PDB file of all heavy atoms in Angstrom:
ATOM      1  N   CYS A   1       0.836  -1.210   0.000  1.00  0.00           N
ATOM      2  CA  CYS A   1       0.000   0.000   0.000  1.00  0.00           C
ATOM      3  C   CYS A   1       0.867   1.255   0.000  1.00  0.00           C
ATOM      4  O   CYS A   1       0.619   2.195  -0.766  1.00  0.00           O
ATOM      5  CB  CYS A   1      -0.920   0.008   1.218  1.00  0.00           C
ATOM      6  SG  CYS A   1      -2.297  -1.163   1.149  1.00  0.00           S
ATOM      7  N   ALA A   2       1.884   1.276   0.861  1.00  0.00           N
ATOM      8  CA  ALA A   2       2.764   2.440   0.957  1.00  0.00           C
ATOM      9  C   ALA A   2       3.499   2.680  -0.354  1.00  0.00           C
ATOM     10  O   ALA A   2       3.597   3.827  -0.828  1.00  0.00           O
ATOM     11  CB  ALA A   2       3.763   2.255   2.104  1.00  0.00           C
ATOM     12  N   ASN A   3       4.006   1.627  -0.958  1.00  0.00           N
ATOM     13  CA  ASN A   3       4.740   1.770  -2.219  1.00  0.00           C
ATOM     14  C   ASN A   3       3.835   2.286  -3.333  1.00  0.00           C
ATOM     15  O   ASN A   3       4.241   3.130  -4.143  1.00  0.00           O
ATOM     16  CB  ASN A   3       5.365   0.432  -2.629  1.00  0.00           C
ATOM     17  CG  ASN A   3       6.516   0.028  -1.727  1.00  0.00           C
ATOM     18  OD1 ASN A   3       7.126   0.869  -1.073  1.00  0.00           O
ATOM     19  ND2 ASN A   3       6.809  -1.257  -1.675  1.00  0.00           N
ATOM     20  N   PHE A   4       2.600   1.802  -3.363  1.00  0.00           N
ATOM     21  CA  PHE A   4       1.692   2.262  -4.423  1.00  0.00           C
ATOM     22  C   PHE A   4       1.196   3.679  -4.144  1.00  0.00           C
ATOM     23  O   PHE A   4       1.001   4.469  -5.077  1.00  0.00           O
ATOM     24  CB  PHE A   4       0.511   1.300  -4.577  1.00  0.00           C
ATOM     25  CG  PHE A   4      -0.214   1.479  -5.878  1.00  0.00           C
ATOM     26  CD1 PHE A   4       0.339   1.031  -7.069  1.00  0.00           C
ATOM     27  CD2 PHE A   4      -1.441   2.130  -5.928  1.00  0.00           C
ATOM     28  CE1 PHE A   4      -0.313   1.214  -8.277  1.00  0.00           C
ATOM     29  CE2 PHE A   4      -2.105   2.314  -7.129  1.00  0.00           C
ATOM     30  CZ  PHE A   4      -1.541   1.855  -8.305  1.00  0.00           C
ATOM     31  N   LEU A   5       0.998   4.014  -2.881  1.00  0.00           N
ATOM     32  CA  LEU A   5       0.641   5.392  -2.528  1.00  0.00           C
ATOM     33  C   LEU A   5       1.729   6.356  -2.969  1.00  0.00           C
ATOM     34  O   LEU A   5       1.450   7.440  -3.506  1.00  0.00           O
ATOM     35  CB  LEU A   5       0.423   5.508  -1.019  1.00  0.00           C
ATOM     36  CG  LEU A   5      -0.922   5.035  -0.478  1.00  0.00           C
ATOM     37  CD1 LEU A   5      -0.871   4.944   1.042  1.00  0.00           C
ATOM     38  CD2 LEU A   5      -2.050   5.966  -0.912  1.00  0.00           C
ATOM     39  N   GLU A   6       2.984   5.969  -2.749  1.00  0.00           N
ATOM     40  CA  GLU A   6       4.103   6.812  -3.170  1.00  0.00           C
ATOM     41  C   GLU A   6       4.093   7.003  -4.685  1.00  0.00           C
ATOM     42  O   GLU A   6       4.352   8.105  -5.183  1.00  0.00           O
ATOM     43  CB  GLU A   6       5.418   6.186  -2.715  1.00  0.00           C
ATOM     44  CG  GLU A   6       6.631   7.083  -2.919  1.00  0.00           C
ATOM     45  CD  GLU A   6       7.867   6.530  -2.252  1.00  0.00           C
ATOM     46  OE1 GLU A   6       7.971   5.299  -2.107  1.00  0.00           O
ATOM     47  OE2 GLU A   6       8.737   7.340  -1.873  1.00  0.00           O
ATOM     48  N   LYS A   7       3.760   5.955  -5.408  1.00  0.00           N
ATOM     49  CA  LYS A   7       3.663   6.025  -6.872  1.00  0.00           C
ATOM     50  C   LYS A   7       2.536   6.968  -7.292  1.00  0.00           C
ATOM     51  O   LYS A   7       2.715   7.827  -8.169  1.00  0.00           O
ATOM     52  CB  LYS A   7       3.421   4.629  -7.436  1.00  0.00           C
ATOM     53  CG  LYS A   7       3.217   4.561  -8.948  1.00  0.00           C
ATOM     54  CD  LYS A   7       3.009   3.111  -9.374  1.00  0.00           C
ATOM     55  CE  LYS A   7       2.824   2.978 -10.894  1.00  0.00           C
ATOM     56  NZ  LYS A   7       1.532   3.508 -11.350  1.00  0.00           N
ATOM     57  N   LEU A   8       1.367   6.840  -6.658  1.00  0.00           N
ATOM     58  CA  LEU A   8       0.233   7.707  -6.982  1.00  0.00           C
ATOM     59  C   LEU A   8       0.559   9.170  -6.720  1.00  0.00           C
ATOM     60  O   LEU A   8       0.293  10.046  -7.556  1.00  0.00           O
ATOM     61  CB  LEU A   8      -0.995   7.307  -6.157  1.00  0.00           C
ATOM     62  CG  LEU A   8      -1.740   6.030  -6.531  1.00  0.00           C
ATOM     63  CD1 LEU A   8      -2.867   5.769  -5.544  1.00  0.00           C
ATOM     64  CD2 LEU A   8      -2.296   6.128  -7.943  1.00  0.00           C
ATOM     65  N   VAL A   9       1.126   9.440  -5.554  1.00  0.00           N
ATOM     66  CA  VAL A   9       1.443  10.813  -5.166  1.00  0.00           C
ATOM     67  C   VAL A   9       2.455  11.430  -6.121  1.00  0.00           C
ATOM     68  O   VAL A   9       2.317  12.596  -6.533  1.00  0.00           O
ATOM     69  CB  VAL A   9       1.976  10.841  -3.714  1.00  0.00           C
ATOM     70  CG1 VAL A   9       2.595  12.191  -3.385  1.00  0.00           C
ATOM     71  CG2 VAL A   9       0.853  10.526  -2.736  1.00  0.00           C
ATOM     72  N   SER A  10       3.455  10.665  -6.488  1.00  0.00           N
ATOM     73  CA  SER A  10       4.521  11.172  -7.354  1.00  0.00           C
ATOM     74  C   SER A  10       4.043  11.360  -8.797  1.00  0.00           C
ATOM     75  O   SER A  10       4.226  12.430  -9.388  1.00  0.00           O
ATOM     76  CB  SER A  10       5.708  10.215  -7.318  1.00  0.00           C
ATOM     77  OG  SER A  10       6.696  10.599  -8.243  1.00  0.00           O
ATOM     78  N   GLU A  11       3.410  10.339  -9.354  1.00  0.00           N
ATOM     79  CA  GLU A  11       3.050  10.386 -10.767  1.00  0.00           C
ATOM     80  C   GLU A  11       1.865  11.292 -11.061  1.00  0.00           C
ATOM     81  O   GLU A  11       1.767  11.859 -12.153  1.00  0.00           O
ATOM     82  CB  GLU A  11       2.745   8.966 -11.271  1.00  0.00           C
ATOM     83  CG  GLU A  11       3.972   8.070 -11.316  1.00  0.00           C
ATOM     84  CD  GLU A  11       3.682   6.742 -11.993  1.00  0.00           C
ATOM     85  OE1 GLU A  11       2.529   6.525 -12.436  1.00  0.00           O
ATOM     86  OE2 GLU A  11       4.615   5.914 -12.080  1.00  0.00           O
ATOM     87  N   HIS A  12       0.971  11.461 -10.090  1.00  0.00           N
ATOM     88  CA  HIS A  12      -0.245  12.236 -10.343  1.00  0.00           C
ATOM     89  C   HIS A  12      -0.255  13.577  -9.611  1.00  0.00           C
ATOM     90  O   HIS A  12      -1.291  14.247  -9.555  1.00  0.00           O
ATOM     91  CB  HIS A  12      -1.477  11.406  -9.971  1.00  0.00           C
ATOM     92  CG  HIS A  12      -1.598  10.147 -10.773  1.00  0.00           C
ATOM     93  ND1 HIS A  12      -2.042  10.137 -12.078  1.00  0.00           N
ATOM     94  CD2 HIS A  12      -1.287   8.861 -10.482  1.00  0.00           C
ATOM     95  CE1 HIS A  12      -2.019   8.900 -12.541  1.00  0.00           C
ATOM     96  NE2 HIS A  12      -1.562   8.108 -11.597  1.00  0.00           N
ATOM     97  N   HIS A  13       0.887  13.956  -9.069  1.00  0.00           N
ATOM     98  CA  HIS A  13       1.042  15.273  -8.436  1.00  0.00           C
ATOM     99  C   HIS A  13      -0.026  15.507  -7.364  1.00  0.00           C
ATOM    100  O   HIS A  13      -0.732  16.518  -7.387  1.00  0.00           O
ATOM    101  CB  HIS A  13       1.004  16.387  -9.490  1.00  0.00           C
ATOM    102  CG  HIS A  13       2.218  16.419 -10.357  1.00  0.00           C
ATOM    103  ND1 HIS A  13       2.727  17.580 -10.888  1.00  0.00           N
ATOM    104  CD2 HIS A  13       3.039  15.443 -10.789  1.00  0.00           C
ATOM    105  CE1 HIS A  13       3.801  17.310 -11.622  1.00  0.00           C
ATOM    106  NE2 HIS A  13       4.006  16.012 -11.565  1.00  0.00           N
ATOM    107  N   LEU A  14      -0.108  14.594  -6.416  1.00  0.00           N
ATOM    108  CA  LEU A  14      -1.099  14.676  -5.352  1.00  0.00           C
ATOM    109  C   LEU A  14      -0.442  15.095  -4.042  1.00  0.00           C
ATOM    110  O   LEU A  14       0.780  15.048  -3.894  1.00  0.00           O
ATOM    111  CB  LEU A  14      -1.768  13.314  -5.138  1.00  0.00           C
ATOM    112  CG  LEU A  14      -2.324  12.597  -6.372  1.00  0.00           C
ATOM    113  CD1 LEU A  14      -2.801  11.200  -5.981  1.00  0.00           C
ATOM    114  CD2 LEU A  14      -3.440  13.388  -7.000  1.00  0.00           C
ATOM    115  N   ALA A  15      -1.275  15.477  -3.096  1.00  0.00           N
ATOM    116  CA  ALA A  15      -0.849  15.589  -1.701  1.00  0.00           C
ATOM    117  C   ALA A  15      -1.636  14.544  -0.927  1.00  0.00           C
ATOM    118  O   ALA A  15      -2.831  14.344  -1.171  1.00  0.00           O
ATOM    119  CB  ALA A  15      -1.118  16.980  -1.147  1.00  0.00           C
ATOM    120  N   LEU A  16      -0.960  13.852  -0.016  1.00  0.00           N
ATOM    121  CA  LEU A  16      -1.588  12.779   0.743  1.00  0.00           C
ATOM    122  C   LEU A  16      -1.606  13.120   2.224  1.00  0.00           C
ATOM    123  O   LEU A  16      -0.576  13.467   2.806  1.00  0.00           O
ATOM    124  CB  LEU A  16      -0.814  11.470   0.523  1.00  0.00           C
ATOM    125  CG  LEU A  16      -1.137  10.296   1.454  1.00  0.00           C
ATOM    126  CD1 LEU A  16      -2.583   9.840   1.284  1.00  0.00           C
ATOM    127  CD2 LEU A  16      -0.176   9.129   1.204  1.00  0.00           C
ATOM    128  N   PHE A  17      -2.803  13.025   2.827  1.00  0.00           N
ATOM    129  CA  PHE A  17      -2.953  13.135   4.276  1.00  0.00           C
ATOM    130  C   PHE A  17      -3.402  11.780   4.804  1.00  0.00           C
ATOM    131  O   PHE A  17      -4.354  11.187   4.282  1.00  0.00           O
ATOM    132  CB  PHE A  17      -4.011  14.183   4.650  1.00  0.00           C
ATOM    133  CG  PHE A  17      -3.562  15.608   4.505  1.00  0.00           C
ATOM    134  CD1 PHE A  17      -3.565  16.224   3.263  1.00  0.00           C
ATOM    135  CD2 PHE A  17      -3.145  16.339   5.607  1.00  0.00           C
ATOM    136  CE1 PHE A  17      -3.162  17.535   3.117  1.00  0.00           C
ATOM    137  CE2 PHE A  17      -2.737  17.656   5.471  1.00  0.00           C
ATOM    138  CZ  PHE A  17      -2.742  18.260   4.226  1.00  0.00           C
ATOM    139  N   ALA A  18      -2.727  11.273   5.835  1.00  0.00           N
ATOM    140  CA  ALA A  18      -3.105   9.994   6.427  1.00  0.00           C
ATOM    141  C   ALA A  18      -3.001  10.089   7.947  1.00  0.00           C
ATOM    142  O   ALA A  18      -2.080  10.725   8.473  1.00  0.00           O
ATOM    143  CB  ALA A  18      -2.204   8.875   5.910  1.00  0.00           C
ATOM    144  N   THR A  19      -3.941   9.486   8.637  1.00  0.00           N
ATOM    145  CA  THR A  19      -3.910   9.486  10.095  1.00  0.00           C
ATOM    146  C   THR A  19      -3.340   8.165  10.602  1.00  0.00           C
ATOM    147  O   THR A  19      -3.481   7.118   9.964  1.00  0.00           O
ATOM    148  CB  THR A  19      -5.317   9.683  10.694  1.00  0.00           C
ATOM    149  OG1 THR A  19      -6.149   8.580  10.319  1.00  0.00           O
ATOM    150  CG2 THR A  19      -5.939  10.980  10.212  1.00  0.00           C
ATOM    151  N   THR A  20      -2.676   8.238  11.747  1.00  0.00           N
ATOM    152  CA  THR A  20      -2.209   7.033  12.439  1.00  0.00           C
ATOM    153  C   THR A  20      -2.609   7.139  13.907  1.00  0.00           C
ATOM    154  O   THR A  20      -2.586   8.215  14.500  1.00  0.00           O
ATOM    155  CB  THR A  20      -0.684   6.847  12.339  1.00  0.00           C
ATOM    156  OG1 THR A  20      -0.023   8.007  12.877  1.00  0.00           O
ATOM    157  CG2 THR A  20      -0.260   6.646  10.897  1.00  0.00           C
ATOM    158  N   GLN A  21      -2.977   6.004  14.462  1.00  0.00           N
ATOM    159  CA  GLN A  21      -3.357   5.958  15.868  1.00  0.00           C
ATOM    160  C   GLN A  21      -2.121   5.783  16.744  1.00  0.00           C
ATOM    161  O   GLN A  21      -1.104   5.260  16.295  1.00  0.00           O
ATOM    162  CB  GLN A  21      -4.341   4.798  16.091  1.00  0.00           C
ATOM    163  CG  GLN A  21      -5.586   4.883  15.238  1.00  0.00           C
ATOM    164  CD  GLN A  21      -6.215   3.521  14.988  1.00  0.00           C
ATOM    165  OE1 GLN A  21      -5.580   2.484  15.157  1.00  0.00           O
ATOM    166  NE2 GLN A  21      -7.471   3.524  14.576  1.00  0.00           N
ATOM    167  N   MET A  22      -2.223   6.216  17.978  1.00  0.00           N
ATOM    168  CA  MET A  22      -1.105   6.066  18.906  1.00  0.00           C
ATOM    169  C   MET A  22      -1.221   4.690  19.572  1.00  0.00           C
ATOM    170  O   MET A  22      -1.820   4.537  20.638  1.00  0.00           O
ATOM    171  CB  MET A  22      -1.110   7.180  19.952  1.00  0.00           C
ATOM    172  CG  MET A  22       0.213   7.295  20.711  1.00  0.00           C
ATOM    173  SD  MET A  22       0.323   8.780  21.750  1.00  0.00           S
ATOM    174  CE  MET A  22      -0.729   8.294  23.105  1.00  0.00           C
ATOM    175  N   LEU A  23      -0.630   3.697  18.917  1.00  0.00           N
ATOM    176  CA  LEU A  23      -0.729   2.316  19.399  1.00  0.00           C
ATOM    177  C   LEU A  23       0.456   1.912  20.251  1.00  0.00           C
ATOM    178  O   LEU A  23       0.376   0.944  21.012  1.00  0.00           O
ATOM    179  CB  LEU A  23      -0.833   1.351  18.209  1.00  0.00           C
ATOM    180  CG  LEU A  23      -2.012   1.565  17.250  1.00  0.00           C
ATOM    181  CD1 LEU A  23      -1.964   0.519  16.144  1.00  0.00           C
ATOM    182  CD2 LEU A  23      -3.337   1.512  17.982  1.00  0.00           C
ATOM    183  N   MET A  24       1.589   2.637  20.110  1.00  0.00           N
ATOM    184  CA  MET A  24       2.814   2.272  20.813  1.00  0.00           C
ATOM    185  C   MET A  24       3.292   3.432  21.685  1.00  0.00           C
ATOM    186  O   MET A  24       3.132   4.598  21.328  1.00  0.00           O
ATOM    187  CB  MET A  24       3.927   1.926  19.813  1.00  0.00           C
ATOM    188  CG  MET A  24       3.587   0.778  18.884  1.00  0.00           C
ATOM    189  SD  MET A  24       3.571  -0.786  19.781  1.00  0.00           S
ATOM    190  CE  MET A  24       3.244  -1.917  18.433  1.00  0.00           C
ATOM    191  N   GLN A  25       3.900   3.086  22.815  1.00  0.00           N
ATOM    192  CA  GLN A  25       4.509   4.095  23.670  1.00  0.00           C
ATOM    193  C   GLN A  25       5.993   4.212  23.338  1.00  0.00           C
ATOM    194  O   GLN A  25       6.630   3.237  22.941  1.00  0.00           O
ATOM    195  CB  GLN A  25       4.340   3.716  25.151  1.00  0.00           C
ATOM    196  CG  GLN A  25       2.888   3.635  25.592  1.00  0.00           C
ATOM    197  CD  GLN A  25       2.167   4.948  25.497  1.00  0.00           C
ATOM    198  OE1 GLN A  25       2.704   5.987  25.872  1.00  0.00           O
ATOM    199  NE2 GLN A  25       0.950   4.934  24.951  1.00  0.00           N
ATOM    200  N   LYS A  26       6.525   5.392  23.521  1.00  0.00           N
ATOM    201  CA  LYS A  26       7.932   5.646  23.199  1.00  0.00           C
ATOM    202  C   LYS A  26       8.841   4.910  24.168  1.00  0.00           C
ATOM    203  O   LYS A  26       8.625   4.897  25.369  1.00  0.00           O
ATOM    204  CB  LYS A  26       8.211   7.159  23.261  1.00  0.00           C
ATOM    205  CG  LYS A  26       9.644   7.537  22.902  1.00  0.00           C
ATOM    206  CD  LYS A  26       9.779   9.039  22.743  1.00  0.00           C
ATOM    207  CE  LYS A  26       9.450   9.786  24.010  1.00  0.00           C
ATOM    208  NZ  LYS A  26       9.659  11.237  23.849  1.00  0.00           N
ATOM    209  N   SER A  27       9.879   4.280  23.613  1.00  0.00           N
ATOM    210  CA  SER A  27      10.886   3.626  24.451  1.00  0.00           C
ATOM    211  C   SER A  27      12.197   4.392  24.333  1.00  0.00           C
ATOM    212  O   SER A  27      12.347   5.282  23.514  1.00  0.00           O
ATOM    213  CB  SER A  27      11.078   2.163  24.019  1.00  0.00           C
ATOM    214  OG  SER A  27      11.587   2.108  22.703  1.00  0.00           O
ATOM    215  N   ALA A  28      13.169   4.014  25.136  1.00  0.00           N
ATOM    216  CA  ALA A  28      14.419   4.774  25.208  1.00  0.00           C
ATOM    217  C   ALA A  28      15.160   4.812  23.876  1.00  0.00           C
ATOM    218  O   ALA A  28      15.811   5.798  23.539  1.00  0.00           O
ATOM    219  CB  ALA A  28      15.317   4.178  26.289  1.00  0.00           C
ATOM    220  N   ASN A  29      15.064   3.747  23.078  1.00  0.00           N
ATOM    221  CA  ASN A  29      15.849   3.661  21.841  1.00  0.00           C
ATOM    222  C   ASN A  29      15.009   3.823  20.581  1.00  0.00           C
ATOM    223  O   ASN A  29      15.446   3.510  19.494  1.00  0.00           O
ATOM    224  CB  ASN A  29      16.563   2.304  21.776  1.00  0.00           C
ATOM    225  CG  ASN A  29      17.536   2.128  22.921  1.00  0.00           C
ATOM    226  OD1 ASN A  29      18.230   3.062  23.288  1.00  0.00           O
ATOM    227  ND2 ASN A  29      17.560   0.926  23.492  1.00  0.00           N
ATOM    228  N   SER A  30      13.781   4.316  20.736  1.00  0.00           N
ATOM    229  CA  SER A  30      12.880   4.368  19.582  1.00  0.00           C
ATOM    230  C   SER A  30      12.981   5.681  18.834  1.00  0.00           C
ATOM    231  O   SER A  30      13.447   6.686  19.350  1.00  0.00           O
ATOM    232  CB  SER A  30      11.429   4.185  20.037  1.00  0.00           C
ATOM    233  OG  SER A  30      11.025   5.311  20.780  1.00  0.00           O
ATOM    234  N   ALA A  31      12.535   5.633  17.583  1.00  0.00           N
ATOM    235  CA  ALA A  31      12.254   6.821  16.750  1.00  0.00           C
ATOM    236  C   ALA A  31      13.474   7.536  16.218  1.00  0.00           C
ATOM    237  O   ALA A  31      13.326   8.457  15.443  1.00  0.00           O
ATOM    238  CB  ALA A  31      11.396   7.823  17.539  1.00  0.00           C
ATOM    239  N   GLU A  32      14.664   7.159  16.588  1.00  0.00           N
ATOM    240  CA  GLU A  32      15.820   7.940  16.175  1.00  0.00           C
ATOM    241  C   GLU A  32      16.053   7.880  14.658  1.00  0.00           C
ATOM    242  O   GLU A  32      16.457   8.854  14.068  1.00  0.00           O
ATOM    243  CB  GLU A  32      17.073   7.447  16.909  1.00  0.00           C
ATOM    244  CG  GLU A  32      16.980   7.524  18.425  1.00  0.00           C
ATOM    245  CD  GLU A  32      16.681   8.918  18.936  1.00  0.00           C
ATOM    246  OE1 GLU A  32      17.032   9.879  18.283  1.00  0.00           O
ATOM    247  OE2 GLU A  32      16.060   9.043  20.001  1.00  0.00           O
ATOM    248  N   SER A  33      15.795   6.725  14.040  1.00  0.00           N
ATOM    249  CA  SER A  33      16.098   6.595  12.614  1.00  0.00           C
ATOM    250  C   SER A  33      15.099   7.322  11.732  1.00  0.00           C
ATOM    251  O   SER A  33      15.422   7.696  10.620  1.00  0.00           O
ATOM    252  CB  SER A  33      16.143   5.118  12.232  1.00  0.00           C
ATOM    253  OG  SER A  33      14.913   4.493  12.523  1.00  0.00           O
ATOM    254  N   PHE A  34      13.874   7.553  12.232  1.00  0.00           N
ATOM    255  CA  PHE A  34      12.864   8.197  11.407  1.00  0.00           C
ATOM    256  C   PHE A  34      12.456   9.554  11.960  1.00  0.00           C
ATOM    257  O   PHE A  34      11.630  10.243  11.388  1.00  0.00           O
ATOM    258  CB  PHE A  34      11.618   7.314  11.302  1.00  0.00           C
ATOM    259  CG  PHE A  34      11.914   5.980  10.688  1.00  0.00           C
ATOM    260  CD1 PHE A  34      11.844   4.827  11.443  1.00  0.00           C
ATOM    261  CD2 PHE A  34      12.283   5.879   9.360  1.00  0.00           C
ATOM    262  CE1 PHE A  34      12.121   3.596  10.875  1.00  0.00           C
ATOM    263  CE2 PHE A  34      12.554   4.646   8.786  1.00  0.00           C
ATOM    264  CZ  PHE A  34      12.480   3.516   9.548  1.00  0.00           C
ATOM    265  N   PHE A  35      12.999   9.965  13.072  1.00  0.00           N
ATOM    266  CA  PHE A  35      12.598  11.207  13.716  1.00  0.00           C
ATOM    267  C   PHE A  35      13.865  11.906  14.186  1.00  0.00           C
ATOM    268  O   PHE A  35      14.484  11.483  15.161  1.00  0.00           O
ATOM    269  CB  PHE A  35      11.687  10.881  14.908  1.00  0.00           C
ATOM    270  CG  PHE A  35      10.782  12.007  15.286  1.00  0.00           C
ATOM    271  CD1 PHE A  35       9.910  12.545  14.356  1.00  0.00           C
ATOM    272  CD2 PHE A  35      10.793  12.519  16.571  1.00  0.00           C
ATOM    273  CE1 PHE A  35       9.056  13.573  14.708  1.00  0.00           C
ATOM    274  CE2 PHE A  35       9.952  13.550  16.928  1.00  0.00           C
ATOM    275  CZ  PHE A  35       9.076  14.073  15.997  1.00  0.00           C
TER     276      PHE A  35
END
């Protein structure tokens, strides 16, 4: 889904808004690679 969404957004000049739920709590070693 993510790969195809990226294709749609890029090829068709779209903006994408998506929501995510807070399912996980932050740990000491989390989020550094993406945040």
